[in-house]
Amino acid sequence: MTTSTRHFADLTTAEVPEALSRDSVLVLPTGAIEPHGPHLPLRTDLVLAEAVSGAAVDRAAAAGSDVWLLPALGYTKSDEHANLPGAMWLQAETMMRVVVDLGRSIAATPARRVLFVNCHGGNSALLEVALRELRRRFDLQTFLYASPARPGPTEEGFGIHAGWAETSMMLHVRPDLVDMTKAKAAVPHSIAGHKHVGFGKRVRFGWLADDFAASGVIGDPTGADATFGAELFESTVDSLVQAIPEVSTFDPGRVG
């Protein structure tokens, strides 16, 4: 091959049928271009999706997995941030069509396994639906990796956007893009005590980012730390590396 990397887009058209097989895993990072408060860049989710996916693909390939990194999706479903400056988002119908078209393109290669690595919560529900759509339409084996939210000690369970964990990871991955002098807490204390309605509770609710704070932040980034960010990054990459061999051999085990 002309490339020694595991970047799908570095292959030539002649190399695609030679390099890929039915059990090759194509990893597709999904991020976003959206407001992350005054202290983080619009491309935070995209930066993290690319960094986590790239590191995991390199390590998994070095361990013997047949895994390839696709170019990331940056423009995605971020309409919860639509009222804030800088949000670049696709309607749900548009993003679904994009993902389906990518699935059709993947199905034209020898590969039959695609793993979405999502670092933007607004994509999660749509990608869950897309997994079945691509399975049904193109007979692909489809998977979605997404790390759970990790609220910090001052976030009352609400560190879901531009807060402690996300800012810490950015301080590790791209500290040059972080301005901690502008970091401010925005924790929705008024609903933190609800037993039934809330993020991760039995009753979900529709929301926009600026429902909680004018900055769009939902959490407390003020205590973010690069050392913790490195630990969080490594644990995320490690869990993804451990998952890839199962993805590459996954079989629902149909009976009869």
Foldseek 3Di string as FASTA:
>chain_A
DPDPAQAPVVDDPVCQQVLDAQLEEEEEEEFEQAFQFPFFHSQLRVLLSCVLVRVLQVVLVVVPHRYHYYYYHYAEAQCLRVVPPTGRHDDLVVRLVVLLVVLVVCLVTNYQHYEYEYRDPRCVVSVVVSQVVSCVPRVGRYYYDYDDDDADPPQLPWQDGSAAQSLLLCCQRPVVRGDLVRFAAFHQPVCSPDQAEDVPHPHYDDHHQCVRPVRSGHYGRNPHHNVVSVVVSVVSSVVSSVCSVCSSVPDPPDDD
